[in-house]
Amino acid sequence: MTCAIRWFKAGGDIYRLNRHRGHISVKMTEIYLFVLTADELDPVLHVGTEAGIEAP
């Protein structure tokens, strides 16, 4: 879990982490989001948009 939290805080996106961890669904990866502040959460959830950097 610590690795996933560090990943998000460093700007990593949820879809890449999902693939890396081998989760079947992104819902499984979302369990790590509870520790993020609103400012940290925003870029994680806007991947593939103008605010994000990579499409899923």
PDB file of N, CA and C in Angstrom:
ATOM      1  N   MET A   1       0.819  -1.185   0.000  1.00  0.00           N
ATOM      2  CA  MET A   1       0.000   0.000   0.000  1.00  0.00           C
ATOM      3  C   MET A   1       0.868   1.256   0.000  1.00  0.00           C
ATOM      4  N   THR A   2       1.950   1.255   0.749  1.00  0.00           N
ATOM      5  CA  THR A   2       2.819   2.426   0.813  1.00  0.00           C
ATOM      6  C   THR A   2       3.353   2.791  -0.566  1.00  0.00           C
ATOM      7  N   CYS A   3       3.696   1.795  -1.343  1.00  0.00           N
ATOM      8  CA  CYS A   3       4.213   2.039  -2.694  1.00  0.00           C
ATOM      9  C   CYS A   3       3.162   2.753  -3.546  1.00  0.00           C
ATOM     10  N   ALA A   4       1.922   2.321  -3.465  1.00  0.00           N
ATOM     11  CA  ALA A   4       0.845   2.937  -4.242  1.00  0.00           C
ATOM     12  C   ALA A   4       0.611   4.379  -3.809  1.00  0.00           C
ATOM     13  N   ILE A   5       0.652   4.622  -2.519  1.00  0.00           N
ATOM     14  CA  ILE A   5       0.447   5.976  -2.017  1.00  0.00           C
ATOM     15  C   ILE A   5       1.577   6.888  -2.487  1.00  0.00           C
ATOM     16  N   ARG A   6       2.800   6.407  -2.406  1.00  0.00           N
ATOM     17  CA  ARG A   6       3.941   7.194  -2.901  1.00  0.00           C
ATOM     18  C   ARG A   6       3.805   7.458  -4.389  1.00  0.00           C
ATOM     19  N   TRP A   7       3.336   6.460  -5.117  1.00  0.00           N
ATOM     20  CA  TRP A   7       3.135   6.588  -6.568  1.00  0.00           C
ATOM     21  C   TRP A   7       2.198   7.757  -6.869  1.00  0.00           C
ATOM     22  N   PHE A   8       1.061   7.791  -6.185  1.00  0.00           N
ATOM     23  CA  PHE A   8       0.100   8.864  -6.413  1.00  0.00           C
ATOM     24  C   PHE A   8       0.656  10.219  -5.999  1.00  0.00           C
ATOM     25  N   LYS A   9       1.316  10.281  -4.862  1.00  0.00           N
ATOM     26  CA  LYS A   9       1.846  11.552  -4.365  1.00  0.00           C
ATOM     27  C   LYS A   9       2.960  12.093  -5.261  1.00  0.00           C
ATOM     28  N   ALA A  10       3.616  11.207  -6.005  1.00  0.00           N
ATOM     29  CA  ALA A  10       4.668  11.622  -6.931  1.00  0.00           C
ATOM     30  C   ALA A  10       4.105  11.999  -8.301  1.00  0.00           C
ATOM     31  N   GLY A  11       2.778  11.897  -8.451  1.00  0.00           N
ATOM     32  CA  GLY A  11       2.156  12.295  -9.712  1.00  0.00           C
ATOM     33  C   GLY A  11       1.822  11.144 -10.638  1.00  0.00           C
ATOM     34  N   GLY A  12       1.992   9.912 -10.177  1.00  0.00           N
ATOM     35  CA  GLY A  12       1.651   8.751 -10.995  1.00  0.00           C
ATOM     36  C   GLY A  12       0.149   8.655 -11.185  1.00  0.00           C
ATOM     37  N   ASP A  13      -0.256   8.076 -12.308  1.00  0.00           N
ATOM     38  CA  ASP A  13      -1.691   7.989 -12.581  1.00  0.00           C
ATOM     39  C   ASP A  13      -2.252   6.622 -12.200  1.00  0.00           C
ATOM     40  N   ILE A  14      -3.528   6.607 -11.970  1.00  0.00           N
ATOM     41  CA  ILE A  14      -4.213   5.421 -11.459  1.00  0.00           C
ATOM     42  C   ILE A  14      -4.232   4.281 -12.474  1.00  0.00           C
ATOM     43  N   TYR A  15      -4.305   4.595 -13.762  1.00  0.00           N
ATOM     44  CA  TYR A  15      -4.383   3.548 -14.777  1.00  0.00           C
ATOM     45  C   TYR A  15      -3.058   2.813 -14.942  1.00  0.00           C
ATOM     46  N   ARG A  16      -1.972   3.543 -14.881  1.00  0.00           N
ATOM     47  CA  ARG A  16      -0.664   2.893 -14.958  1.00  0.00           C
ATOM     48  C   ARG A  16      -0.422   2.008 -13.747  1.00  0.00           C
ATOM     49  N   LEU A  17      -0.767   2.520 -12.572  1.00  0.00           N
ATOM     50  CA  LEU A  17      -0.601   1.731 -11.357  1.00  0.00           C
ATOM     51  C   LEU A  17      -1.488   0.490 -11.411  1.00  0.00           C
ATOM     52  N   ASN A  18      -2.685   0.640 -11.920  1.00  0.00           N
ATOM     53  CA  ASN A  18      -3.593  -0.483 -12.070  1.00  0.00           C
ATOM     54  C   ASN A  18      -2.961  -1.588 -12.919  1.00  0.00           C
ATOM     55  N   ARG A  19      -2.375  -1.215 -14.039  1.00  0.00           N
ATOM     56  CA  ARG A  19      -1.717  -2.197 -14.901  1.00  0.00           C
ATOM     57  C   ARG A  19      -0.506  -2.811 -14.217  1.00  0.00           C
ATOM     58  N   HIS A  20       0.285  -1.976 -13.545  1.00  0.00           N
ATOM     59  CA  HIS A  20       1.500  -2.443 -12.866  1.00  0.00           C
ATOM     60  C   HIS A  20       1.174  -3.447 -11.760  1.00  0.00           C
ATOM     61  N   ARG A  21       0.131  -3.181 -10.991  1.00  0.00           N
ATOM     62  CA  ARG A  21      -0.251  -4.053  -9.877  1.00  0.00           C
ATOM     63  C   ARG A  21      -1.006  -5.289 -10.348  1.00  0.00           C
ATOM     64  N   GLY A  22      -1.441  -5.277 -11.609  1.00  0.00           N
ATOM     65  CA  GLY A  22      -2.152  -6.438 -12.145  1.00  0.00           C
ATOM     66  C   GLY A  22      -3.594  -6.549 -11.681  1.00  0.00           C
ATOM     67  N   HIS A  23      -4.159  -5.433 -11.272  1.00  0.00           N
ATOM     68  CA  HIS A  23      -5.554  -5.449 -10.837  1.00  0.00           C
ATOM     69  C   HIS A  23      -6.468  -5.655 -12.037  1.00  0.00           C
ATOM     70  N   ILE A  24      -7.508  -6.408 -11.834  1.00  0.00           N
ATOM     71  CA  ILE A  24      -8.473  -6.683 -12.900  1.00  0.00           C
ATOM     72  C   ILE A  24      -9.280  -5.434 -13.232  1.00  0.00           C
ATOM     73  N   SER A  25      -9.582  -4.659 -12.222  1.00  0.00           N
ATOM     74  CA  SER A  25     -10.403  -3.460 -12.386  1.00  0.00           C
ATOM     75  C   SER A  25      -9.724  -2.277 -11.697  1.00  0.00           C
ATOM     76  N   VAL A  26      -9.933  -1.086 -12.227  1.00  0.00           N
ATOM     77  CA  VAL A  26      -9.396   0.120 -11.601  1.00  0.00           C
ATOM     78  C   VAL A  26     -10.050   0.345 -10.238  1.00  0.00           C
ATOM     79  N   LYS A  27     -11.215  -0.234 -10.030  1.00  0.00           N
ATOM     80  CA  LYS A  27     -11.884  -0.140  -8.729  1.00  0.00           C
ATOM     81  C   LYS A  27     -10.990  -0.726  -7.632  1.00  0.00           C
ATOM     82  N   MET A  28     -10.238  -1.756  -7.950  1.00  0.00           N
ATOM     83  CA  MET A  28      -9.333  -2.354  -6.967  1.00  0.00           C
ATOM     84  C   MET A  28      -8.212  -1.376  -6.604  1.00  0.00           C
ATOM     85  N   THR A  29      -7.774  -0.588  -7.558  1.00  0.00           N
ATOM     86  CA  THR A  29      -6.695   0.370  -7.329  1.00  0.00           C
ATOM     87  C   THR A  29      -7.204   1.596  -6.567  1.00  0.00           C
ATOM     88  N   GLU A  30      -8.462   1.915  -6.716  1.00  0.00           N
ATOM     89  CA  GLU A  30      -9.039   3.092  -6.056  1.00  0.00           C
ATOM     90  C   GLU A  30      -8.989   3.011  -4.538  1.00  0.00           C
ATOM     91  N   ILE A  31      -8.800   1.842  -3.966  1.00  0.00           N
ATOM     92  CA  ILE A  31      -8.764   1.727  -2.503  1.00  0.00           C
ATOM     93  C   ILE A  31      -7.618   2.526  -1.901  1.00  0.00           C
ATOM     94  N   TYR A  32      -6.597   2.808  -2.685  1.00  0.00           N
ATOM     95  CA  TYR A  32      -5.445   3.557  -2.195  1.00  0.00           C
ATOM     96  C   TYR A  32      -5.672   5.064  -2.176  1.00  0.00           C
ATOM     97  N   LEU A  33      -6.737   5.537  -2.772  1.00  0.00           N
ATOM     98  CA  LEU A  33      -6.965   6.975  -2.915  1.00  0.00           C
ATOM     99  C   LEU A  33      -7.409   7.656  -1.629  1.00  0.00           C
ATOM    100  N   PHE A  34      -7.838   6.900  -0.637  1.00  0.00           N
ATOM    101  CA  PHE A  34      -8.401   7.494   0.570  1.00  0.00           C
ATOM    102  C   PHE A  34      -7.415   8.364   1.340  1.00  0.00           C
ATOM    103  N   VAL A  35      -6.128   8.191   1.150  1.00  0.00           N
ATOM    104  CA  VAL A  35      -5.131   8.953   1.909  1.00  0.00           C
ATOM    105  C   VAL A  35      -4.733  10.264   1.238  1.00  0.00           C
ATOM    106  N   LEU A  36      -5.195  10.498   0.032  1.00  0.00           N
ATOM    107  CA  LEU A  36      -4.796  11.694  -0.702  1.00  0.00           C
ATOM    108  C   LEU A  36      -5.656  12.894  -0.343  1.00  0.00           C
ATOM    109  N   THR A  37      -5.028  14.059  -0.366  1.00  0.00           N
ATOM    110  CA  THR A  37      -5.772  15.305  -0.185  1.00  0.00           C
ATOM    111  C   THR A  37      -6.470  15.636  -1.507  1.00  0.00           C
ATOM    112  N   ALA A  38      -7.351  16.600  -1.493  1.00  0.00           N
ATOM    113  CA  ALA A  38      -8.067  17.005  -2.707  1.00  0.00           C
ATOM    114  C   ALA A  38      -7.089  17.465  -3.788  1.00  0.00           C
ATOM    115  N   ASP A  39      -6.050  18.198  -3.405  1.00  0.00           N
ATOM    116  CA  ASP A  39      -5.062  18.673  -4.379  1.00  0.00           C
ATOM    117  C   ASP A  39      -4.261  17.516  -4.983  1.00  0.00           C
ATOM    118  N   GLU A  40      -3.967  16.507  -4.193  1.00  0.00           N
ATOM    119  CA  GLU A  40      -3.232  15.346  -4.696  1.00  0.00           C
ATOM    120  C   GLU A  40      -4.134  14.454  -5.541  1.00  0.00           C
ATOM    121  N   LEU A  41      -5.382  14.402  -5.209  1.00  0.00           N
ATOM    122  CA  LEU A  41      -6.334  13.544  -5.893  1.00  0.00           C
ATOM    123  C   LEU A  41      -6.706  14.063  -7.276  1.00  0.00           C
ATOM    124  N   ASP A  42      -6.759  15.358  -7.436  1.00  0.00           N
ATOM    125  CA  ASP A  42      -7.194  15.968  -8.687  1.00  0.00           C
ATOM    126  C   ASP A  42      -6.427  15.462  -9.912  1.00  0.00           C
ATOM    127  N   PRO A  43      -5.093  15.505  -9.945  1.00  0.00           N
ATOM    128  CA  PRO A  43      -4.398  15.024 -11.138  1.00  0.00           C
ATOM    129  C   PRO A  43      -4.547  13.516 -11.357  1.00  0.00           C
ATOM    130  N   VAL A  44      -4.690  12.761 -10.298  1.00  0.00           N
ATOM    131  CA  VAL A  44      -4.844  11.312 -10.406  1.00  0.00           C
ATOM    132  C   VAL A  44      -6.140  10.962 -11.136  1.00  0.00           C
ATOM    133  N   LEU A  45      -7.190  11.702 -10.867  1.00  0.00           N
ATOM    134  CA  LEU A  45      -8.496  11.411 -11.437  1.00  0.00           C
ATOM    135  C   LEU A  45      -8.748  12.084 -12.778  1.00  0.00           C
ATOM    136  N   HIS A  46      -7.873  12.992 -13.190  1.00  0.00           N
ATOM    137  CA  HIS A  46      -8.063  13.691 -14.458  1.00  0.00           C
ATOM    138  C   HIS A  46      -7.091  13.231 -15.532  1.00  0.00           C
ATOM    139  N   VAL A  47      -6.634  12.020 -15.434  1.00  0.00           N
ATOM    140  CA  VAL A  47      -5.752  11.450 -16.447  1.00  0.00           C
ATOM    141  C   VAL A  47      -6.508  11.357 -17.763  1.00  0.00           C
ATOM    142  N   GLY A  48      -5.858  11.756 -18.848  1.00  0.00           N
ATOM    143  CA  GLY A  48      -6.479  11.693 -20.161  1.00  0.00           C
ATOM    144  C   GLY A  48      -7.301  12.920 -20.499  1.00  0.00           C
ATOM    145  N   THR A  49      -7.349  13.891 -19.623  1.00  0.00           N
ATOM    146  CA  THR A  49      -8.041  15.137 -19.904  1.00  0.00           C
ATOM    147  C   THR A  49      -6.980  16.218 -20.117  1.00  0.00           C
ATOM    148  N   GLU A  50      -7.405  17.427 -20.343  1.00  0.00           N
ATOM    149  CA  GLU A  50      -6.440  18.512 -20.517  1.00  0.00           C
ATOM    150  C   GLU A  50      -5.578  18.675 -19.281  1.00  0.00           C
ATOM    151  N   ALA A  51      -6.125  18.368 -18.103  1.00  0.00           N
ATOM    152  CA  ALA A  51      -5.360  18.499 -16.858  1.00  0.00           C
ATOM    153  C   ALA A  51      -4.419  17.319 -16.658  1.00  0.00           C
ATOM    154  N   GLY A  52      -4.706  16.201 -17.322  1.00  0.00           N
ATOM    155  CA  GLY A  52      -3.886  14.999 -17.147  1.00  0.00           C
ATOM    156  C   GLY A  52      -2.832  14.876 -18.211  1.00  0.00           C
ATOM    157  N   ILE A  53      -2.041  13.805 -18.112  1.00  0.00           N
ATOM    158  CA  ILE A  53      -0.943  13.646 -19.048  1.00  0.00           C
ATOM    159  C   ILE A  53      -1.010  12.374 -19.874  1.00  0.00           C
ATOM    160  N   GLU A  54      -1.780  11.405 -19.471  1.00  0.00           N
ATOM    161  CA  GLU A  54      -1.826  10.154 -20.216  1.00  0.00           C
ATOM    162  C   GLU A  54      -3.238   9.596 -20.232  1.00  0.00           C
ATOM    163  N   ALA A  55      -3.659   9.155 -21.388  1.00  0.00           N
ATOM    164  CA  ALA A  55      -4.974   8.522 -21.493  1.00  0.00           C
ATOM    165  C   ALA A  55      -4.873   7.092 -20.996  1.00  0.00           C
ATOM    166  N   PRO A  56      -5.955   6.563 -20.457  1.00  0.00           N
ATOM    167  CA  PRO A  56      -5.925   5.173 -19.963  1.00  0.00           C
ATOM    168  C   PRO A  56      -5.748   4.184 -21.077  1.00  0.00           C
TER     169      PRO A  56
END
